[in-house]
Amino acid sequence: MMDRVKEKIRMGEECAQMLNGVCQQELDELAKAILHARRIFVAGWGRAGNVGRILSMDCSQIGLQTYCVGD
């Protein structure tokens, strides 16, 4: 049981370290670009493709015009 707890803590610390490297200004600029785009195209295969399709679905649910390339 403790091994699982230690592993979860390690994973949490790893995620926190990764997120500390993300520039908030770049994320804000990306969000603005997406919101102001006339059309949004996403592409990817495997897990990246799944994430792209989720982004596309979320964007379409707020009224943006999106396309999944390759579908």
Protein backbone atom coordinates (compact mmCIF):
# COMPACT_ATOMS: atom_id res chain seq x y z
CA MET A 1 0.00 0.00 0.00
CA MET A 2 2.77 2.46 0.90
CA ASP A 3 4.52 1.77 -2.39
CA ARG A 4 1.40 2.99 -4.21
CA VAL A 5 1.28 6.14 -2.12
CA LYS A 6 4.97 6.84 -2.74
CA GLU A 7 4.46 6.28 -6.47
CA LYS A 8 1.49 8.68 -6.55
CA ILE A 9 3.55 11.31 -4.72
CA ARG A 10 6.42 10.84 -7.19
CA MET A 11 4.02 11.18 -10.14
CA GLY A 12 2.48 14.31 -8.63
CA GLU A 13 5.90 15.87 -8.14
CA GLU A 14 6.83 15.00 -11.73
CA CYS A 15 3.64 16.64 -13.03
CA ALA A 16 4.26 19.73 -10.90
CA GLN A 17 7.80 20.03 -12.24
CA MET A 18 6.52 19.76 -15.82
CA LEU A 19 3.81 22.38 -15.24
CA ASN A 20 6.33 24.78 -13.72
CA GLY A 21 8.02 24.85 -17.13
CA VAL A 22 4.86 26.05 -18.89
CA CYS A 23 4.77 29.73 -19.79
CA GLN A 24 1.38 31.22 -18.88
CA GLN A 25 1.79 34.02 -21.43
CA GLU A 26 2.24 31.48 -24.24
CA LEU A 27 -0.87 29.60 -23.11
CA ASP A 28 -2.86 32.85 -23.07
CA GLU A 29 -1.67 33.70 -26.58
CA LEU A 30 -2.60 30.22 -27.82
CA ALA A 31 -6.08 30.51 -26.29
CA LYS A 32 -6.61 33.93 -27.92
CA ALA A 33 -5.45 32.59 -31.30
CA ILE A 34 -7.88 29.66 -31.04
CA LEU A 35 -10.79 31.90 -30.03
CA HIS A 36 -10.15 34.33 -32.90
CA ALA A 37 -9.58 31.68 -35.61
CA ARG A 38 -12.20 31.32 -38.33
CA ARG A 39 -11.48 27.59 -38.58
CA ILE A 40 -9.45 25.22 -36.43
CA PHE A 41 -7.74 22.14 -37.87
CA VAL A 42 -6.29 19.45 -35.63
CA ALA A 43 -4.29 16.40 -36.62
CA GLY A 44 -2.54 13.61 -34.82
CA TRP A 45 -2.42 9.88 -34.43
CA GLY A 46 -2.46 7.69 -31.35
CA ARG A 47 -2.74 9.48 -28.03
CA ALA A 48 -1.85 12.84 -29.57
CA GLY A 49 -4.69 12.38 -32.06
CA ASN A 50 -7.11 11.58 -29.26
CA VAL A 51 -6.09 14.74 -27.42
CA GLY A 52 -6.51 16.73 -30.66
CA ARG A 53 -9.99 15.30 -31.19
CA ILE A 54 -10.94 16.18 -27.61
CA LEU A 55 -9.71 19.75 -28.20
CA SER A 56 -11.71 19.87 -31.43
CA MET A 57 -14.84 18.61 -29.69
CA ASP A 58 -14.45 21.10 -26.84
CA CYS A 59 -13.96 23.96 -29.30
CA SER A 60 -17.01 22.94 -31.33
CA GLN A 61 -19.11 22.86 -28.17
CA ILE A 62 -18.38 26.55 -27.60
CA GLY A 63 -19.34 27.38 -31.18
CA LEU A 64 -15.98 27.30 -32.99
CA GLN A 65 -15.65 25.65 -36.41
CA THR A 66 -13.24 22.71 -36.12
CA TYR A 67 -11.98 19.92 -38.34
CA CYS A 68 -10.04 16.75 -37.54
CA VAL A 69 -7.60 16.10 -40.37
CA GLY A 70 -7.42 12.43 -41.28
CA ASP A 71 -10.88 11.44 -40.03
